[in-house]
Structure formats: structure tokens, C-alpha cells
C-alpha atoms as a PDB file:
ATOM      1  CA  MET A   1      45.483 -16.156-102.110  1.00  0.00           C
ATOM      2  CA  ARG A   2      46.352 -14.840 -98.665  1.00  0.00           C
ATOM      3  CA  TYR A   3      46.674 -11.228 -97.599  1.00  0.00           C
ATOM      4  CA  ARG A   4      48.388  -8.990 -95.075  1.00  0.00           C
ATOM      5  CA  THR A   5      48.058  -5.366 -94.083  1.00  0.00           C
ATOM      6  CA  ILE A   6      50.781  -2.855 -94.883  1.00  0.00           C
ATOM      7  CA  GLY A   7      50.876   0.512 -93.163  1.00  0.00           C
ATOM      8  CA  SER A   8      49.485   1.638 -89.816  1.00  0.00           C
ATOM      9  CA  ASP A   9      47.356   4.710 -90.519  1.00  0.00           C
ATOM     10  CA  PRO A  10      43.703   3.746 -91.186  1.00  0.00           C
ATOM     11  CA  ARG A  11      43.604   6.425 -93.894  1.00  0.00           C
ATOM     12  CA  THR A  12      46.423   4.951 -95.965  1.00  0.00           C
ATOM     13  CA  ARG A  13      47.026   1.344 -94.900  1.00  0.00           C
ATOM     14  CA  ARG A  14      46.165  -1.339 -97.424  1.00  0.00           C
ATOM     15  CA  GLU A  15      45.497  -5.046 -97.512  1.00  0.00           C
ATOM     16  CA  VAL A  16      47.686  -6.692-100.146  1.00  0.00           C
ATOM     17  CA  SER A  17      48.387 -10.196-101.405  1.00  0.00           C
ATOM     18  CA  VAL A  18      51.317 -11.963 -99.734  1.00  0.00           C
ATOM     19  CA  LEU A  19      52.897 -12.283-103.172  1.00  0.00           C
ATOM     20  CA  SER A  20      53.728  -9.216-105.249  1.00  0.00           C
ATOM     21  CA  LEU A  21      54.074  -9.153-109.029  1.00  0.00           C
ATOM     22  CA  GLY A  22      57.068  -7.313-110.436  1.00  0.00           C
ATOM     23  CA  ALA A  23      56.440  -5.387-113.648  1.00  0.00           C
ATOM     24  CA  MET A  24      60.018  -4.239-114.272  1.00  0.00           C
ATOM     25  CA  LEU A  25      60.336  -5.526-117.852  1.00  0.00           C
ATOM     26  CA  PHE A  26      56.735  -5.012-118.909  1.00  0.00           C
ATOM     27  CA  GLY A  27      56.643  -2.836-121.999  1.00  0.00           C
ATOM     28  CA  THR A  28      60.259  -3.539-122.934  1.00  0.00           C
ATOM     29  CA  LYS A  29      61.572  -7.116-122.846  1.00  0.00           C
ATOM     30  CA  THR A  30      58.112  -8.483-122.025  1.00  0.00           C
ATOM     31  CA  ASP A  31      55.701  -7.505-124.806  1.00  0.00           C
ATOM     32  CA  GLU A  32      52.284  -6.057-124.145  1.00  0.00           C
ATOM     33  CA  ALA A  33      50.231  -9.168-124.916  1.00  0.00           C
ATOM     34  CA  THR A  34      52.340 -11.339-122.611  1.00  0.00           C
ATOM     35  CA  ALA A  35      52.334  -8.705-119.878  1.00  0.00           C
ATOM     36  CA  TYR A  36      48.546  -8.390-120.055  1.00  0.00           C
ATOM     37  CA  ALA A  37      48.149 -12.175-119.814  1.00  0.00           C
ATOM     38  CA  ILE A  38      50.399 -12.290-116.734  1.00  0.00           C
ATOM     39  CA  LEU A  39      48.614  -9.368-115.088  1.00  0.00           C
ATOM     40  CA  ASP A  40      45.182 -10.841-115.809  1.00  0.00           C
ATOM     41  CA  ARG A  41      46.184 -14.204-114.357  1.00  0.00           C
ATOM     42  CA  PHE A  42      47.639 -12.562-111.246  1.00  0.00           C
ATOM     43  CA  VAL A  43      44.407 -10.695-110.569  1.00  0.00           C
ATOM     44  CA  GLU A  44      42.311 -13.785-111.351  1.00  0.00           C
ATOM     45  CA  ALA A  45      44.294 -15.667-108.687  1.00  0.00           C
ATOM     46  CA  GLY A  46      43.573 -12.955-106.115  1.00  0.00           C
ATOM     47  CA  GLY A  47      46.814 -11.000-106.493  1.00  0.00           C
ATOM     48  CA  THR A  48      46.446  -7.360-105.509  1.00  0.00           C
ATOM     49  CA  PHE A  49      50.033  -6.034-105.185  1.00  0.00           C
ATOM     50  CA  ILE A  50      52.015  -4.923-108.256  1.00  0.00           C
ATOM     51  CA  ASP A  51      55.460  -3.304-108.265  1.00  0.00           C
ATOM     52  CA  THR A  52      57.075  -0.911-110.740  1.00  0.00           C
ATOM     53  CA  SER A  53      59.313   2.179-110.879  1.00  0.00           C
ATOM     54  CA  ASP A  54      59.598   5.375-112.879  1.00  0.00           C
ATOM     55  CA  ASN A  55      62.950   4.212-114.302  1.00  0.00           C
ATOM     56  CA  TYR A  56      61.864   0.754-115.521  1.00  0.00           C
ATOM     57  CA  ALA A  57      63.417  -0.268-117.785  1.00  0.00           C
ATOM     58  CA  PHE A  58      65.741   2.468-119.076  1.00  0.00           C
ATOM     59  CA  TRP A  59      68.645   0.026-119.587  1.00  0.00           C
ATOM     60  CA  MET A  60      66.624  -1.923-122.144  1.00  0.00           C
ATOM     61  CA  THR A  61      66.092   1.081-124.402  1.00  0.00           C
ATOM     62  CA  GLY A  62      68.876   3.525-123.608  1.00  0.00           C
ATOM     63  CA  GLY A  63      66.199   6.011-122.556  1.00  0.00           C
ATOM     64  CA  GLN A  64      64.959   7.183-119.167  1.00  0.00           C
ATOM     65  CA  GLY A  65      62.373   4.525-118.343  1.00  0.00           C
ATOM     66  CA  GLY A  66      58.641   4.878-117.825  1.00  0.00           C
ATOM     67  CA  GLU A  67      57.640   2.018-120.136  1.00  0.00           C
ATOM     68  CA  SER A  68      56.512  -0.216-117.280  1.00  0.00           C
ATOM     69  CA  GLU A  69      54.319   2.457-115.694  1.00  0.00           C
ATOM     70  CA  GLU A  70      52.852   3.333-119.090  1.00  0.00           C
ATOM     71  CA  LEU A  71      51.937  -0.294-119.796  1.00  0.00           C
ATOM     72  CA  LEU A  72      50.338  -0.672-116.380  1.00  0.00           C
ATOM     73  CA  GLY A  73      48.346   2.479-117.055  1.00  0.00           C
ATOM     74  CA  ARG A  74      47.046   1.090-120.338  1.00  0.00           C
ATOM     75  CA  TRP A  75      46.229  -2.245-118.700  1.00  0.00           C
ATOM     76  CA  ARG A  76      44.367  -0.529-115.847  1.00  0.00           C
ATOM     77  CA  ARG A  77      42.255   1.486-118.272  1.00  0.00           C
ATOM     78  CA  SER A  78      41.521  -1.494-120.553  1.00  0.00           C
ATOM     79  CA  ARG A  79      40.422  -3.667-117.641  1.00  0.00           C
ATOM     80  CA  GLY A  80      38.635  -1.022-115.586  1.00  0.00           C
ATOM     81  CA  ILE A  81      41.041  -1.515-112.690  1.00  0.00           C
ATOM     82  CA  GLY A  82      40.465   0.780-109.728  1.00  0.00           C
ATOM     83  CA  ASP A  83      41.918   1.019-106.251  1.00  0.00           C
ATOM     84  CA  GLU A  84      41.304  -2.670-105.540  1.00  0.00           C
ATOM     85  CA  ILE A  85      44.778  -3.305-106.996  1.00  0.00           C
ATOM     86  CA  VAL A  86      47.657  -1.724-105.063  1.00  0.00           C
ATOM     87  CA  ILE A  87      50.436  -0.450-107.292  1.00  0.00           C
ATOM     88  CA  ALA A  88      53.778   0.506-105.787  1.00  0.00           C
ATOM     89  CA  THR A  89      56.237   2.643-107.692  1.00  0.00           C
ATOM     90  CA  LYS A  90      59.580   4.280-106.977  1.00  0.00           C
ATOM     91  CA  LEU A  91      61.425   7.480-107.754  1.00  0.00           C
ATOM     92  CA  GLY A  92      64.928   8.812-107.302  1.00  0.00           C
ATOM     93  CA  ALA A  93      66.830   6.574-109.736  1.00  0.00           C
ATOM     94  CA  ARG A  94      65.474   7.738-113.095  1.00  0.00           C
ATOM     95  CA  PRO A  95      68.283   8.983-115.378  1.00  0.00           C
ATOM     96  CA  LEU A  96      68.007  12.676-116.114  1.00  0.00           C
ATOM     97  CA  ALA A  97      68.984  12.178-119.753  1.00  0.00           C
ATOM     98  CA  PRO A  98      68.934   9.303-122.266  1.00  0.00           C
ATOM     99  CA  GLY A  99      72.166   7.388-122.385  1.00  0.00           C
ATOM    100  CA  THR A 100      72.934   8.002-118.707  1.00  0.00           C
ATOM    101  CA  SER A 101      72.015   5.990-115.614  1.00  0.00           C
ATOM    102  CA  TYR A 102      71.199   6.232-111.926  1.00  0.00           C
ATOM    103  CA  LEU A 103      74.902   5.903-111.177  1.00  0.00           C
ATOM    104  CA  ASP A 104      76.106   9.005-112.990  1.00  0.00           C
ATOM    105  CA  ASN A 105      72.971  11.105-113.511  1.00  0.00           C
ATOM    106  CA  PRO A 106      70.068  10.192-111.176  1.00  0.00           C
ATOM    107  CA  GLU A 107      67.031  12.394-110.609  1.00  0.00           C
ATOM    108  CA  GLY A 108      67.633  12.228-106.858  1.00  0.00           C
ATOM    109  CA  LEU A 109      65.357  12.953-103.911  1.00  0.00           C
ATOM    110  CA  SER A 110      64.967  16.715-103.705  1.00  0.00           C
ATOM    111  CA  ALA A 111      61.509  18.059-102.842  1.00  0.00           C
ATOM    112  CA  LYS A 112      61.168  19.365-106.414  1.00  0.00           C
ATOM    113  CA  VAL A 113      62.032  16.019-107.963  1.00  0.00           C
ATOM    114  CA  ILE A 114      59.741  14.128-105.586  1.00  0.00           C
ATOM    115  CA  ARG A 115      56.784  16.295-106.544  1.00  0.00           C
ATOM    116  CA  GLU A 116      57.452  16.346-110.282  1.00  0.00           C
ATOM    117  CA  SER A 117      58.383  12.671-110.583  1.00  0.00           C
ATOM    118  CA  ALA A 118      55.380  11.533-108.544  1.00  0.00           C
ATOM    119  CA  GLU A 119      53.091  13.584-110.778  1.00  0.00           C
ATOM    120  CA  ARG A 120      54.562  11.982-113.904  1.00  0.00           C
ATOM    121  CA  SER A 121      54.098   8.532-112.381  1.00  0.00           C
ATOM    122  CA  ARG A 122      50.469   9.287-111.561  1.00  0.00           C
ATOM    123  CA  GLU A 123      49.895  10.380-115.152  1.00  0.00           C
ATOM    124  CA  ARG A 124      51.562   7.299-116.636  1.00  0.00           C
ATOM    125  CA  LEU A 125      49.693   4.944-114.303  1.00  0.00           C
ATOM    126  CA  GLY A 126      46.399   6.813-114.588  1.00  0.00           C
ATOM    127  CA  MET A 127      46.011   7.052-110.816  1.00  0.00           C
ATOM    128  CA  ASP A 128      44.752   9.932-108.709  1.00  0.00           C
ATOM    129  CA  ARG A 129      46.796   8.645-105.778  1.00  0.00           C
ATOM    130  CA  LEU A 130      49.915   6.495-105.739  1.00  0.00           C
ATOM    131  CA  ASP A 131      49.210   3.666-103.316  1.00  0.00           C
ATOM    132  CA  LEU A 132      52.844   3.220-102.245  1.00  0.00           C
ATOM    133  CA  LEU A 133      55.808   5.374-103.233  1.00  0.00           C
ATOM    134  CA  TYR A 134      59.392   4.364-102.513  1.00  0.00           C
ATOM    135  CA  ALA A 135      62.614   6.337-102.390  1.00  0.00           C
ATOM    136  CA  HIS A 136      64.471   4.060-104.807  1.00  0.00           C
ATOM    137  CA  ILE A 137      68.103   4.801-103.894  1.00  0.00           C
ATOM    138  CA  GLU A 138      69.850   7.125-101.470  1.00  0.00           C
ATOM    139  CA  ASP A 139      70.599  10.741-102.366  1.00  0.00           C
ATOM    140  CA  HIS A 140      73.555  12.033-100.364  1.00  0.00           C
ATOM    141  CA  LYS A 141      73.427  15.465-102.002  1.00  0.00           C
ATOM    142  CA  VAL A 142      70.041  16.473-100.596  1.00  0.00           C
ATOM    143  CA  PRO A 143      69.393  16.998 -96.853  1.00  0.00           C
ATOM    144  CA  LEU A 144      67.404  14.102 -95.476  1.00  0.00           C
ATOM    145  CA  ARG A 145      64.903  16.479 -93.918  1.00  0.00           C
ATOM    146  CA  GLU A 146      64.062  17.901 -97.352  1.00  0.00           C
ATOM    147  CA  THR A 147      63.369  14.400 -98.679  1.00  0.00           C
ATOM    148  CA  VAL A 148      61.221  13.514 -95.662  1.00  0.00           C
ATOM    149  CA  GLU A 149      59.198  16.713 -95.954  1.00  0.00           C
ATOM    150  CA  GLY A 150      58.872  16.343 -99.728  1.00  0.00           C
ATOM    151  CA  PHE A 151      57.282  12.919 -99.428  1.00  0.00           C
ATOM    152  CA  ALA A 152      55.094  13.986 -96.504  1.00  0.00           C
ATOM    153  CA  GLU A 153      53.658  16.903 -98.462  1.00  0.00           C
ATOM    154  CA  LEU A 154      52.361  14.530-101.124  1.00  0.00           C
ATOM    155  CA  VAL A 155      50.731  12.333 -98.488  1.00  0.00           C
ATOM    156  CA  ALA A 156      49.074  15.376 -96.909  1.00  0.00           C
ATOM    157  CA  GLU A 157      47.725  16.418-100.301  1.00  0.00           C
ATOM    158  CA  GLY A 158      46.320  12.956-100.983  1.00  0.00           C
ATOM    159  CA  ALA A 159      48.618  12.338-103.956  1.00  0.00           C
ATOM    160  CA  VAL A 160      50.385   9.461-102.204  1.00  0.00           C
ATOM    161  CA  GLY A 161      49.269   6.881 -99.652  1.00  0.00           C
ATOM    162  CA  LEU A 162      52.099   4.895 -98.083  1.00  0.00           C
ATOM    163  CA  LEU A 163      55.816   5.662 -98.148  1.00  0.00           C
ATOM    164  CA  GLY A 164      58.731   3.287 -98.466  1.00  0.00           C
ATOM    165  CA  ALA A 165      62.466   3.076 -99.036  1.00  0.00           C
ATOM    166  CA  SER A 166      64.642   0.740-101.056  1.00  0.00           C
ATOM    167  CA  ASN A 167      68.411   0.250-101.157  1.00  0.00           C
ATOM    168  CA  HIS A 168      69.076   2.508 -98.159  1.00  0.00           C
ATOM    169  CA  ARG A 169      71.407   2.001 -95.237  1.00  0.00           C
ATOM    170  CA  THR A 170      69.418   1.009 -92.150  1.00  0.00           C
ATOM    171  CA  TRP A 171      70.700   4.011 -90.227  1.00  0.00           C
ATOM    172  CA  ARG A 172      69.424   6.357 -92.936  1.00  0.00           C
ATOM    173  CA  VAL A 173      65.995   4.709 -92.857  1.00  0.00           C
ATOM    174  CA  GLU A 174      65.867   5.119 -89.094  1.00  0.00           C
ATOM    175  CA  ARG A 175      67.098   8.719 -89.245  1.00  0.00           C
ATOM    176  CA  ALA A 176      64.455   9.576 -91.846  1.00  0.00           C
ATOM    177  CA  ARG A 177      61.761   7.937 -89.738  1.00  0.00           C
ATOM    178  CA  ALA A 178      62.952   9.788 -86.642  1.00  0.00           C
ATOM    179  CA  LEU A 179      62.852  13.124 -88.466  1.00  0.00           C
ATOM    180  CA  ALA A 180      59.325  12.385 -89.667  1.00  0.00           C
ATOM    181  CA  ALA A 181      58.125  11.285 -86.214  1.00  0.00           C
ATOM    182  CA  ALA A 182      59.600  14.349 -84.524  1.00  0.00           C
ATOM    183  CA  ALA A 183      57.762  16.601 -86.972  1.00  0.00           C
ATOM    184  CA  GLY A 184      54.509  14.663 -86.814  1.00  0.00           C
ATOM    185  CA  LEU A 185      54.868  13.596 -90.455  1.00  0.00           C
ATOM    186  CA  PRO A 186      54.308  10.232 -92.144  1.00  0.00           C
ATOM    187  CA  GLY A 187      57.475   8.198 -92.612  1.00  0.00           C
ATOM    188  CA  TYR A 188      58.687   5.075 -94.362  1.00  0.00           C
ATOM    189  CA  GLU A 189      56.609   2.014 -93.496  1.00  0.00           C
ATOM    190  CA  VAL A 190      57.570  -0.408 -96.279  1.00  0.00           C
ATOM    191  CA  LEU A 191      61.119  -1.469 -97.132  1.00  0.00           C
ATOM    192  CA  GLN A 192      62.115  -3.144-100.400  1.00  0.00           C
ATOM    193  CA  TYR A 193      65.442  -4.978-100.476  1.00  0.00           C
ATOM    194  CA  HIS A 194      67.025  -8.033-102.027  1.00  0.00           C
ATOM    195  CA  ARG A 195      66.328 -11.113 -99.947  1.00  0.00           C
ATOM    196  CA  SER A 196      66.302 -14.800-100.761  1.00  0.00           C
ATOM    197  CA  TYR A 197      67.034 -18.079 -99.012  1.00  0.00           C
ATOM    198  CA  LEU A 198      70.684 -17.828-100.016  1.00  0.00           C
ATOM    199  CA  PRO A 199      72.123 -14.689 -98.408  1.00  0.00           C
ATOM    200  CA  ALA A 200      74.185 -12.290-100.486  1.00  0.00           C
ATOM    201  CA  ARG A 201      77.593 -11.026 -99.480  1.00  0.00           C
ATOM    202  CA  LEU A 202      77.458  -7.584 -97.926  1.00  0.00           C
ATOM    203  CA  ASP A 203      81.166  -6.771 -97.926  1.00  0.00           C
ATOM    204  CA  GLY A 204      83.129  -5.143-100.707  1.00  0.00           C
ATOM    205  CA  PRO A 205      82.341  -1.993-102.689  1.00  0.00           C
ATOM    206  CA  THR A 206      79.371  -1.861-105.041  1.00  0.00           C
ATOM    207  CA  ASP A 207      78.193   0.577-107.686  1.00  0.00           C
ATOM    208  CA  LEU A 208      75.796   2.171-105.196  1.00  0.00           C
ATOM    209  CA  ASP A 209      77.960   2.182-102.081  1.00  0.00           C
ATOM    210  CA  PRO A 210      81.737   1.936-101.589  1.00  0.00           C
ATOM    211  CA  ASP A 211      81.167   0.400 -98.158  1.00  0.00           C
ATOM    212  CA  GLY A 212      79.349  -2.690 -99.378  1.00  0.00           C
ATOM    213  CA  ASN A 213      76.047  -4.063-100.640  1.00  0.00           C
ATOM    214  CA  VAL A 214      73.413  -1.567 -99.523  1.00  0.00           C
ATOM    215  CA  GLY A 215      70.553  -3.289-101.357  1.00  0.00           C
ATOM    216  CA  ALA A 216      70.647  -6.728 -99.731  1.00  0.00           C
ATOM    217  CA  VAL A 217      69.134  -7.733 -96.407  1.00  0.00           C
ATOM    218  CA  GLY A 218      71.697  -8.390 -93.695  1.00  0.00           C
ATOM    219  CA  GLY A 219      71.760  -8.759 -89.941  1.00  0.00           C
ATOM    220  CA  GLU A 220      71.467  -5.036 -89.295  1.00  0.00           C
ATOM    221  CA  LEU A 221      68.235  -4.722 -91.264  1.00  0.00           C
ATOM    222  CA  LEU A 222      66.776  -7.951 -89.886  1.00  0.00           C
ATOM    223  CA  SER A 223      67.470  -6.741 -86.359  1.00  0.00           C
ATOM    224  CA  TYR A 224      65.768  -3.440 -87.155  1.00  0.00           C
ATOM    225  CA  LEU A 225      62.689  -5.147 -88.559  1.00  0.00           C
ATOM    226  CA  ARG A 226      62.490  -7.416 -85.535  1.00  0.00           C
ATOM    227  CA  ALA A 227      62.359  -4.304 -83.360  1.00  0.00           C
ATOM    228  CA  GLU A 228      59.816  -2.618 -85.664  1.00  0.00           C
ATOM    229  CA  PRO A 229      57.177  -5.301 -86.376  1.00  0.00           C
ATOM    230  CA  GLY A 230      54.804  -2.725 -87.846  1.00  0.00           C
ATOM    231  CA  MET A 231      57.062  -2.280 -90.839  1.00  0.00           C
ATOM    232  CA  THR A 232      56.788  -4.437 -93.964  1.00  0.00           C
ATOM    233  CA  LEU A 233      59.633  -6.041 -95.895  1.00  0.00           C
ATOM    234  CA  VAL A 234      59.204  -6.639 -99.624  1.00  0.00           C
ATOM    235  CA  SER A 235      61.954  -8.681-101.242  1.00  0.00           C
ATOM    236  CA  TYR A 236      63.205  -8.375-104.796  1.00  0.00           C
ATOM    237  CA  GLY A 237      65.380 -11.006-106.451  1.00  0.00           C
ATOM    238  CA  SER A 238      63.635 -13.576-104.263  1.00  0.00           C
ATOM    239  CA  LEU A 239      64.323 -16.411-106.721  1.00  0.00           C
ATOM    240  CA  LEU A 240      67.803 -15.165-107.673  1.00  0.00           C
ATOM    241  CA  TRP A 241      66.629 -14.390-111.187  1.00  0.00           C
ATOM    242  CA  GLY A 242      66.251 -18.080-112.032  1.00  0.00           C
ATOM    243  CA  ALA A 243      69.592 -19.261-110.631  1.00  0.00           C
ATOM    244  CA  TYR A 244      68.047 -21.829-108.282  1.00  0.00           C
ATOM    245  CA  VAL A 245      66.738 -23.914-111.168  1.00  0.00           C
ATOM    246  CA  ARG A 246      68.406 -22.808-114.411  1.00  0.00           C
ATOM    247  CA  ASP A 247      71.830 -24.072-115.451  1.00  0.00           C
ATOM    248  CA  ASP A 248      72.227 -21.145-117.839  1.00  0.00           C
ATOM    249  CA  LYS A 249      71.946 -18.715-114.900  1.00  0.00           C
ATOM    250  CA  PRO A 250      74.619 -19.745-112.411  1.00  0.00           C
ATOM    251  CA  LEU A 251      74.891 -18.168-108.982  1.00  0.00           C
ATOM    252  CA  GLY A 252      76.929 -14.985-109.027  1.00  0.00           C
ATOM    253  CA  PRO A 253      80.036 -14.415-106.904  1.00  0.00           C
ATOM    254  CA  GLU A 254      77.961 -12.442-104.410  1.00  0.00           C
ATOM    255  CA  TYR A 255      76.495 -15.767-103.204  1.00  0.00           C
ATOM    256  CA  ASP A 256      79.871 -17.509-102.890  1.00  0.00           C
ATOM    257  CA  LEU A 257      79.704 -17.974 -99.130  1.00  0.00           C
ATOM    258  CA  PRO A 258      80.700 -21.044 -97.086  1.00  0.00           C
ATOM    259  CA  SER A 259      77.051 -21.596 -96.178  1.00  0.00           C
ATOM    260  CA  ALA A 260      75.810 -21.766 -99.786  1.00  0.00           C
ATOM    261  CA  PRO A 261      76.334 -25.524-100.442  1.00  0.00           C
ATOM    262  CA  VAL A 262      74.826 -26.415 -97.060  1.00  0.00           C
ATOM    263  CA  ARG A 263      71.770 -24.267 -97.607  1.00  0.00           C
ATOM    264  CA  LEU A 264      71.248 -25.491-101.161  1.00  0.00           C
ATOM    265  CA  ALA A 265      71.328 -29.075 -99.912  1.00  0.00           C
ATOM    266  CA  ALA A 266      68.712 -28.279 -97.252  1.00  0.00           C
ATOM    267  CA  LEU A 267      66.560 -26.499 -99.808  1.00  0.00           C
ATOM    268  CA  ARG A 268      66.592 -29.469-102.178  1.00  0.00           C
ATOM    269  CA  GLU A 269      65.891 -31.865 -99.322  1.00  0.00           C
ATOM    270  CA  VAL A 270      62.790 -29.931 -98.232  1.00  0.00           C
ATOM    271  CA  ALA A 271      61.610 -29.575-101.826  1.00  0.00           C
ATOM    272  CA  GLU A 272      61.814 -33.353-102.233  1.00  0.00           C
ATOM    273  CA  GLN A 273      59.893 -33.900 -98.983  1.00  0.00           C
ATOM    274  CA  THR A 274      57.079 -31.539 -99.954  1.00  0.00           C
ATOM    275  CA  GLY A 275      56.874 -32.408-103.619  1.00  0.00           C
ATOM    276  CA  ALA A 276      57.171 -28.692-104.350  1.00  0.00           C
ATOM    277  CA  THR A 277      59.718 -26.985-106.551  1.00  0.00           C
ATOM    278  CA  VAL A 278      62.812 -25.352-105.094  1.00  0.00           C
ATOM    279  CA  ASN A 279      61.405 -21.958-106.083  1.00  0.00           C
ATOM    280  CA  GLN A 280      58.170 -22.646-104.234  1.00  0.00           C
ATOM    281  CA  VAL A 281      60.031 -23.628-101.072  1.00  0.00           C
ATOM    282  CA  VAL A 282      62.029 -20.391-101.195  1.00  0.00           C
ATOM    283  CA  LEU A 283      58.861 -18.310-101.535  1.00  0.00           C
ATOM    284  CA  ALA A 284      57.063 -20.208 -98.760  1.00  0.00           C
ATOM    285  CA  TRP A 285      60.092 -19.764 -96.484  1.00  0.00           C
ATOM    286  CA  LEU A 286      59.974 -16.002 -97.061  1.00  0.00           C
ATOM    287  CA  ILE A 287      56.207 -15.549 -96.740  1.00  0.00           C
ATOM    288  CA  ASP A 288      55.790 -17.288 -93.388  1.00  0.00           C
ATOM    289  CA  GLY A 289      59.195 -16.641 -91.862  1.00  0.00           C
ATOM    290  CA  GLU A 290      59.945 -15.214 -88.432  1.00  0.00           C
ATOM    291  CA  ILE A 291      60.214 -11.869 -90.170  1.00  0.00           C
ATOM    292  CA  PRO A 292      57.382 -12.149 -92.729  1.00  0.00           C
ATOM    293  CA  THR A 293      58.421 -11.053 -96.185  1.00  0.00           C
ATOM    294  CA  ILE A 294      56.332 -10.262 -99.249  1.00  0.00           C
ATOM    295  CA  PRO A 295      58.282 -11.791-102.134  1.00  0.00           C
ATOM    296  CA  LEU A 296      58.352  -9.800-105.341  1.00  0.00           C
ATOM    297  CA  VAL A 297      58.360 -12.160-108.323  1.00  0.00           C
ATOM    298  CA  GLY A 298      59.251 -11.145-111.840  1.00  0.00           C
ATOM    299  CA  VAL A 299      58.017 -13.596-114.464  1.00  0.00           C
ATOM    300  CA  SER A 300      57.988 -13.730-118.245  1.00  0.00           C
ATOM    301  CA  SER A 301      55.158 -16.236-118.689  1.00  0.00           C
ATOM    302  CA  VAL A 302      51.880 -17.292-117.121  1.00  0.00           C
ATOM    303  CA  ALA A 303      53.398 -20.708-116.387  1.00  0.00           C
ATOM    304  CA  GLN A 304      56.146 -19.124-114.296  1.00  0.00           C
ATOM    305  CA  LEU A 305      53.559 -17.075-112.455  1.00  0.00           C
ATOM    306  CA  ASP A 306      51.449 -20.149-111.709  1.00  0.00           C
ATOM    307  CA  GLU A 307      54.472 -21.837-110.129  1.00  0.00           C
ATOM    308  CA  SER A 308      54.942 -18.866-107.810  1.00  0.00           C
ATOM    309  CA  LEU A 309      51.238 -18.599-106.998  1.00  0.00           C
ATOM    310  CA  ALA A 310      51.209 -22.213-105.816  1.00  0.00           C
ATOM    311  CA  ALA A 311      53.815 -21.320-103.195  1.00  0.00           C
ATOM    312  CA  VAL A 312      51.225 -19.263-101.304  1.00  0.00           C
ATOM    313  CA  ASP A 313      49.479 -22.481-100.218  1.00  0.00           C
ATOM    314  CA  LEU A 314      52.655 -24.401 -99.403  1.00  0.00           C
ATOM    315  CA  GLU A 315      52.864 -24.959 -95.643  1.00  0.00           C
ATOM    316  CA  LEU A 316      56.280 -25.957 -94.372  1.00  0.00           C
ATOM    317  CA  THR A 317      56.261 -28.052 -91.215  1.00  0.00           C
ATOM    318  CA  PRO A 318      58.091 -26.740 -88.133  1.00  0.00           C
ATOM    319  CA  GLU A 319      60.715 -29.426 -88.734  1.00  0.00           C
ATOM    320  CA  GLN A 320      61.221 -28.378 -92.352  1.00  0.00           C
ATOM    321  CA  ARG A 321      61.483 -24.743 -91.421  1.00  0.00           C
ATOM    322  CA  HIS A 322      63.970 -25.607 -88.677  1.00  0.00           C
ATOM    323  CA  ARG A 323      66.019 -27.561 -91.219  1.00  0.00           C
ATOM    324  CA  LEU A 324      66.109 -24.555 -93.535  1.00  0.00           C
ATOM    325  CA  ASP A 325      66.764 -22.006 -90.817  1.00  0.00           C
ATOM    326  CA  THR A 326      69.662 -23.876 -89.238  1.00  0.00           C
ATOM    327  CA  ALA A 327      71.480 -24.889 -92.433  1.00  0.00           C
ATOM    328  CA  TRP A 328      74.707 -22.930 -91.960  1.00  0.00           C
END
């Protein structure tokens, strides 16, 4: 396994594995025994970065979520896991009532919600301090300053370490960071967005934003990260939920871009050259790219996890990376 440092403050920064394990369906679709086997294998291989959220996976049960955090809490206690494993969680998108969702009834990002939701996450996970806490989705009803100050209070109290944002417009991330900096408060240092080798379309309304896809990495966010090298990008949906390799999971219309056939051809060509799988090439491309990315992989078996773990040691040649980067 290889590692990188996230965060800048010596009091809160952490060294994490360059591959993160997603626990979204643990405790719902993925049963406890399978989840434990995956988690144990990840740690055995040197993995130290696990991702969850307070709303995972409400859509599987019709409830409000929390099953993933609860399972991770039980696993931590059963294995004697301490702060050597970094667990990231999110708040802001938990439904306020069963049968609703983050679209029509989200908890939001008020100072009250941030405090109460973070406390519930700490209890479910069995952690005195949340290593990394994300604002899961934007809240346009609450002043941004209130959100910034609400998160900062938890850091000051030692209840939270690092702060991050997911599915936010770049300008809102920057505005939040500027407000925090002006007040001498900690701000977002880790960003979690959808990124893969095939880019997603950003135009057209989505459920979260009428102006386009707010959750996928585009040129605006890449430019921002290039200018802010101290920030960390974590990518979800890195393997397109199996669509690269499974015929029963075709690419969605959001990937129907003129560049898609060209990039898929380059991807398969490099996979053949290296003897690696297409999935492994995608992960290697992300991990060691010009803008380094920590891929978040969600798996349902130890075999799937082992395939992803092998990508950590896959070194693409400069020529192979150039072939992938210029396939447009």
C-alpha cells in the first residue's frame, strides 16, 4: 500500500492509503459477514481510509440511513480498531423522516444540524473524534457563514478533525474557504466528487441542481485544485459502478460524449499493454495523475477488493499516461 497526507494542520492532518474503501451499502445490501470480510482484507492490505455517511443507505430501507455507520461501529469494536484507521463521514443529506429523501426533506447544514448530526455519527461509529467530516450536499436555505462556523466549532472542541465538501459548486467551496480564512477558522481541505477516466456530462438540469451536474468533476474544479495543491480530491464512482467491465451495467447517458469511444479504446489498449484489468488502469490513472486523486471504491466481495488493491502497484509509463490523457 502507498499513502499520502491529507490536511495541512499538524493537529488534524492524517496519512491515509491512496485507495479508500466505500462502505455505502454495508449493513443493507452487503450483509455483515461479507462487510467484515471486506473490511478485514482492506486493513490487512494496509488500507487506512474508509468512507461512509449518516444517510447510507436510506434508499435501501425506506428509512433515514445510519446502517453503514452502525456496522462500522460494530466492526471497530469487534476488531479493537482505534485511530489508526481514518473514517470519513458526511452530513447534510440525511432525510428528516422515513419515506422522504435528501431531495425533498434533507437535514441541511444549519449549525444545529451540524452539531446534532455529528454527535449521532460519533455515537454510531464509536469514535470520540470524527477524522474527516464532509458537507454532503449544498444547503441554500442556511447562510454559508453559519455552516462554516458550525463546522469550525466542532473542530475547536476536538469533536472533528478535518473538514470537507462534496457535491458543491466550486464557487461555494471557495466562498466557504474564504469566509473561514478571514475569520481564522478551519475550512474545507478535502473534496469528494464523481471522477473517472470517462468524464461525465455537466450540462442539463439534475435532481440536485437545475444548472447542471454539480457532483461531477469538470474543468472549473480541476482548475481550482491545480491552483490549490494543498487540497485533496477523493473520487466516488471511480469505476462507473461496474460499467467498464459489465455488460449488464451499460454506460448511462451522462457519459454519451463524442470522446467516449476514443477514450475507451485508449483504455483497453493500455490495459492490454500492461496486462492489467481496465478497472486497474482507471484507478492507477487517478492515483498518480497530474491532479492526484484518491479513488473511492465500493465493492461487494473480497475478490473485487483485491482487484482494486492491485491497482496501487500498477505503474503506467509516461507513454501510456500520455496516450490516456490525450485520447479526445
